[in-house]
Structures are given as C-alpha cells and as structure tokens.
Amino acid sequence: MRIAIVDESAARATIIEEGLANVDDCEIFVVNERRGLVARIEDIAPDIVLMDLGNPSRDVLEEYFAVSRALARPIAMFVDDSDDEALVASVEAGVSSYVVDGLSPNRIRPILDLAITRFNAFSRLQSDLAEAKGKLAEREMIDKAKRILMTSRGLPEPKAYAELRSTAMNKGKRIVDIAEAIVTAQKLLEGGA
C-alpha cells in the first residue's frame, strides 16, 4: 500500500510514520510543502492520503479541501481544533476521516482502516447512484419512444414495447438505442432539436 503523508511539520509527520510502523507491506511518502501538492500526490499515486494540518487557517483549509476534491482516494485529515463549518466542508470535499485532536501513533492504524472503509463505501454508493440514474434515463427514453409509437401507429403500450424489443433484437442493439433513434427521428420530423 502506498501512503502519502502531507504535513508541513516534519515532527508531526514522524508521529504518523511511527503509527504506520506496524502496517505491513507499505511505502510511505512524506510531502512537507503545499506548493504543487496535487501534482506531487498524483506523481506518488498513493492508495491513501493522511493530512495533518495542526491549526490551519480558513485559507489553508480551503486549499486542502480543493486538493481533497481533486483526488479520488481515501483521505484522513488531522486537525488540532475544529468547528462545525470546517467539518461540513471536509465531508463535502470528500475527506473520509476528519480527526480532531487525535494525532497519536497508536490511533493511526484504526483511522487509516476507517478512512479506507468509508471511502470504499462512499464510492460504492456513488457508483450505485450513477447506475440508477443511468437506468432511469434509459427507462425514460424507452417510455418516450413507446409514446411516439402509441401515438403515431395507434398501438397499445404492450405492443409498442414489443415493437421496440423486436427491432432491437433484429438489429442486434439495445432497446434503449432503438428508443433513442425513434425519439431523435421524431424531433427531426417535428423540426425541433
């Protein structure tokens, strides 16, 4: 496992490294500079990013949240103090674990595991949502095509669907592809876009 530690303080980064000493088979990369952070992390290609910000200003927090949004990886963020606004912003930025006043070597491994688990669960939810939206859009396209066939050819709904299915099978295409062609052709015939 490749782990990137982002911390401008070498002393705090060492605490995280100590906490990772018992993690088998991992490579640890420490990034101590904020400049070019996203590019540096992309070069490292870590499996997880651990950020220790200490007591960050609002501007620094925003900068790190922008980094978090740009990365599609689990991120655990350590801060000394927090407020509700910073917590909400971190969640919206995709931070998997937001740890307040919890930087000690013995807590690093459980936090690492939690960040990975939360990230994976959230990724599955996002994937499921995207799949559901795609299926809904396909269903809506098929329904539009059925309505066109029902209106233009005077077919009942089951017969319109059977026509779509039969055409798709004969052409070796998906029903939604045939439906999309019908809807597009209807728009062209009506002069719409």
Protein backbone atom coordinates (compact mmCIF):
# COMPACT_ATOMS: atom_id res chain seq x y z
CA MET A 1 0.00 0.00 0.00
CA ARG A 2 1.29 3.45 -0.92
CA ILE A 3 0.64 6.07 1.76
CA ALA A 4 1.21 9.80 1.33
CA ILE A 5 1.65 11.87 4.48
CA VAL A 6 1.03 15.55 3.91
CA ASP A 7 2.35 17.73 6.71
CA GLU A 8 4.42 20.89 6.72
CA SER A 9 5.80 19.86 10.11
CA ALA A 10 8.40 17.09 9.96
CA ALA A 11 7.83 16.37 13.67
CA ARG A 12 4.11 15.73 13.21
CA ALA A 13 4.77 13.68 10.06
CA THR A 14 7.10 11.49 12.15
CA ILE A 15 4.24 10.75 14.58
CA ILE A 16 2.15 9.47 11.67
CA GLU A 17 5.09 7.43 10.36
CA GLU A 18 5.50 5.85 13.81
CA GLY A 19 1.83 4.91 13.77
CA LEU A 20 2.32 3.20 10.41
CA ALA A 21 5.32 1.15 11.57
CA ASN A 22 3.12 -1.92 12.14
CA VAL A 23 1.41 -1.70 8.73
CA ASP A 24 2.84 -4.48 6.60
CA ASP A 25 3.92 -4.01 3.02
CA CYS A 26 3.53 -0.25 2.65
CA GLU A 27 5.54 2.54 1.11
CA ILE A 28 5.39 5.87 2.90
CA PHE A 29 5.92 9.20 1.15
CA VAL A 30 6.12 12.43 3.14
CA VAL A 31 5.18 15.70 1.45
CA ASN A 32 6.21 18.74 3.50
CA GLU A 33 5.37 21.51 1.05
CA ARG A 34 1.97 22.81 -0.03
CA ARG A 35 3.19 24.20 -3.33
CA GLY A 36 2.36 21.80 -6.19
CA LEU A 37 0.63 19.44 -3.77
CA VAL A 38 -1.89 17.90 -6.19
CA ALA A 39 0.79 17.22 -8.81
CA ARG A 40 3.13 15.74 -6.19
CA ILE A 41 0.40 13.44 -4.87
CA GLU A 42 -0.55 12.40 -8.40
CA ASP A 43 3.13 11.50 -9.00
CA ILE A 44 3.16 9.38 -5.84
CA ALA A 45 -0.20 7.74 -6.74
CA PRO A 46 -0.94 6.76 -3.14
CA ASP A 47 -3.68 4.41 -2.03
CA ILE A 48 -4.46 6.76 0.86
CA VAL A 49 -3.51 10.29 1.91
CA LEU A 50 -3.02 11.27 5.55
CA MET A 51 -3.02 15.05 6.10
CA ASP A 52 -2.02 16.65 9.35
CA LEU A 53 -2.88 20.32 9.37
CA GLY A 54 -2.41 21.20 13.03
CA ASN A 55 -4.20 24.53 13.46
CA PRO A 56 -4.93 25.62 9.88
CA SER A 57 -6.28 28.97 8.86
CA ARG A 58 -9.50 29.09 6.83
CA ASP A 59 -7.47 29.71 3.64
CA VAL A 60 -5.23 26.70 4.29
CA LEU A 61 -8.28 24.54 4.97
CA GLU A 62 -9.87 25.65 1.70
CA GLU A 63 -6.66 24.87 -0.15
CA TYR A 64 -6.52 21.36 1.30
CA PHE A 65 -10.21 20.81 0.64
CA ALA A 66 -9.55 21.68 -3.00
CA VAL A 67 -6.80 19.05 -3.01
CA SER A 68 -9.20 16.55 -1.44
CA ARG A 69 -11.83 17.19 -4.12
CA ALA A 70 -9.24 16.66 -6.86
CA LEU A 71 -8.12 13.27 -5.53
CA ALA A 72 -10.17 10.13 -5.84
CA ARG A 73 -8.56 8.47 -2.85
CA PRO A 74 -9.31 7.93 0.82
CA ILE A 75 -8.14 10.91 2.86
CA ALA A 76 -7.76 11.18 6.62
CA MET A 77 -7.33 14.73 7.88
CA PHE A 78 -5.93 15.54 11.33
CA VAL A 79 -6.56 18.93 12.92
CA ASP A 80 -5.96 20.22 16.44
CA ASP A 81 -9.23 22.13 16.70
CA SER A 82 -12.37 22.15 14.60
CA ASP A 83 -15.63 23.91 14.09
CA ASP A 84 -18.86 22.74 12.51
CA GLU A 85 -18.23 24.68 9.31
CA ALA A 86 -14.82 23.07 8.77
CA LEU A 87 -16.26 19.63 9.48
CA VAL A 88 -19.06 20.07 6.92
CA ALA A 89 -16.62 21.46 4.34
CA SER A 90 -14.30 18.48 4.82
CA VAL A 91 -17.10 15.98 4.28
CA GLU A 92 -18.25 17.85 1.16
CA ALA A 93 -14.66 17.83 -0.10
CA GLY A 94 -14.51 14.04 0.19
CA VAL A 95 -12.44 13.65 3.34
CA SER A 96 -13.05 10.12 4.63
CA SER A 97 -11.91 10.72 8.21
CA TYR A 98 -11.73 14.09 9.95
CA VAL A 99 -9.88 13.63 13.24
CA VAL A 100 -9.80 16.39 15.84
CA ASP A 101 -7.00 16.35 18.41
CA GLY A 102 -6.25 12.70 17.73
CA LEU A 103 -2.72 12.57 16.42
CA SER A 104 -1.00 9.79 18.31
CA PRO A 105 0.87 6.81 16.85
CA ASN A 106 -1.48 4.18 18.33
CA ARG A 107 -4.54 5.76 16.66
CA ILE A 108 -3.10 5.98 13.14
CA ARG A 109 -3.82 2.40 12.02
CA PRO A 110 -7.52 2.38 13.06
CA ILE A 111 -8.00 5.79 11.44
CA LEU A 112 -6.30 4.55 8.27
CA ASP A 113 -8.59 1.50 8.16
CA LEU A 114 -11.67 3.64 8.81
CA ALA A 115 -10.77 6.12 6.06
CA ILE A 116 -10.32 3.31 3.52
CA THR A 117 -13.57 1.61 4.56
CA ARG A 118 -15.57 4.85 4.42
CA PHE A 119 -14.07 5.80 1.08
CA ASN A 120 -14.92 2.41 -0.42
CA ALA A 121 -18.47 2.52 0.95
CA PHE A 122 -19.00 6.05 -0.40
CA SER A 123 -17.54 5.05 -3.78
CA ARG A 124 -19.97 2.12 -3.98
CA LEU A 125 -22.86 4.46 -3.16
CA GLN A 126 -21.77 6.90 -5.86
CA SER A 127 -21.44 4.08 -8.36
CA ASP A 128 -24.86 2.70 -7.45
CA LEU A 129 -26.38 6.17 -7.75
CA ALA A 130 -24.82 6.72 -11.17
CA GLU A 131 -26.06 3.32 -12.31
CA ALA A 132 -29.58 4.04 -11.03
CA LYS A 133 -29.61 7.43 -12.77
CA GLY A 134 -28.46 5.79 -15.99
CA LYS A 135 -31.18 3.15 -15.80
CA LEU A 136 -33.79 5.81 -15.06
CA ALA A 137 -32.66 7.85 -18.06
CA GLU A 138 -32.86 4.73 -20.24
CA ARG A 139 -36.33 3.93 -18.90
CA GLU A 140 -37.47 7.49 -19.67
CA MET A 141 -36.08 7.23 -23.22
CA ILE A 142 -37.89 3.93 -23.77
CA ASP A 143 -41.11 5.44 -22.41
CA LYS A 144 -40.80 8.40 -24.82
CA ALA A 145 -40.30 6.05 -27.75
CA LYS A 146 -43.29 3.94 -26.67
CA ARG A 147 -45.46 7.08 -26.51
CA ILE A 148 -44.34 8.04 -30.02
CA LEU A 149 -45.21 4.58 -31.35
CA MET A 150 -48.52 4.55 -29.47
CA THR A 151 -49.49 7.95 -30.90
CA SER A 152 -48.16 7.60 -34.44
CA ARG A 153 -49.19 4.00 -35.05
CA GLY A 154 -52.15 3.68 -32.67
CA LEU A 155 -50.52 0.84 -30.73
CA PRO A 156 -51.34 -0.15 -27.16
CA GLU A 157 -48.42 0.13 -24.70
CA PRO A 158 -47.53 -3.61 -24.63
CA LYS A 159 -47.47 -3.75 -28.43
CA ALA A 160 -45.32 -0.60 -28.65
CA TYR A 161 -42.80 -2.14 -26.25
CA ALA A 162 -42.88 -5.42 -28.19
CA GLU A 163 -42.06 -3.47 -31.37
CA LEU A 164 -39.09 -1.82 -29.66
CA ARG A 165 -37.84 -5.14 -28.32
CA SER A 166 -38.31 -6.96 -31.64
CA THR A 167 -36.48 -4.22 -33.59
CA ALA A 168 -33.63 -4.22 -31.06
CA MET A 169 -33.25 -7.99 -31.34
CA ASN A 170 -33.36 -7.92 -35.15
CA LYS A 171 -30.75 -5.14 -35.32
CA GLY A 172 -28.55 -6.60 -32.54
CA LYS A 173 -28.88 -3.43 -30.48
CA ARG A 174 -30.11 -2.50 -27.06
CA ILE A 175 -33.73 -1.40 -26.71
CA VAL A 176 -32.61 2.00 -25.44
CA ASP A 177 -30.57 2.54 -28.61
CA ILE A 178 -33.64 1.89 -30.77
CA ALA A 179 -35.73 4.12 -28.49
CA GLU A 180 -33.18 6.91 -28.78
CA ALA A 181 -33.24 6.63 -32.59
CA ILE A 182 -37.06 6.89 -32.59
CA VAL A 183 -37.04 9.93 -30.30
CA THR A 184 -34.34 11.61 -32.40
CA ALA A 185 -36.20 10.89 -35.63
CA GLN A 186 -39.40 12.31 -34.13
CA LYS A 187 -37.59 15.50 -33.15
CA LEU A 188 -36.19 15.84 -36.66
CA LEU A 189 -39.60 15.33 -38.23
CA GLU A 190 -41.12 17.95 -35.92
CA GLY A 191 -38.29 20.35 -36.76
CA GLY A 192 -37.10 20.50 -33.13
CA ALA A 193 -33.67 19.91 -31.74
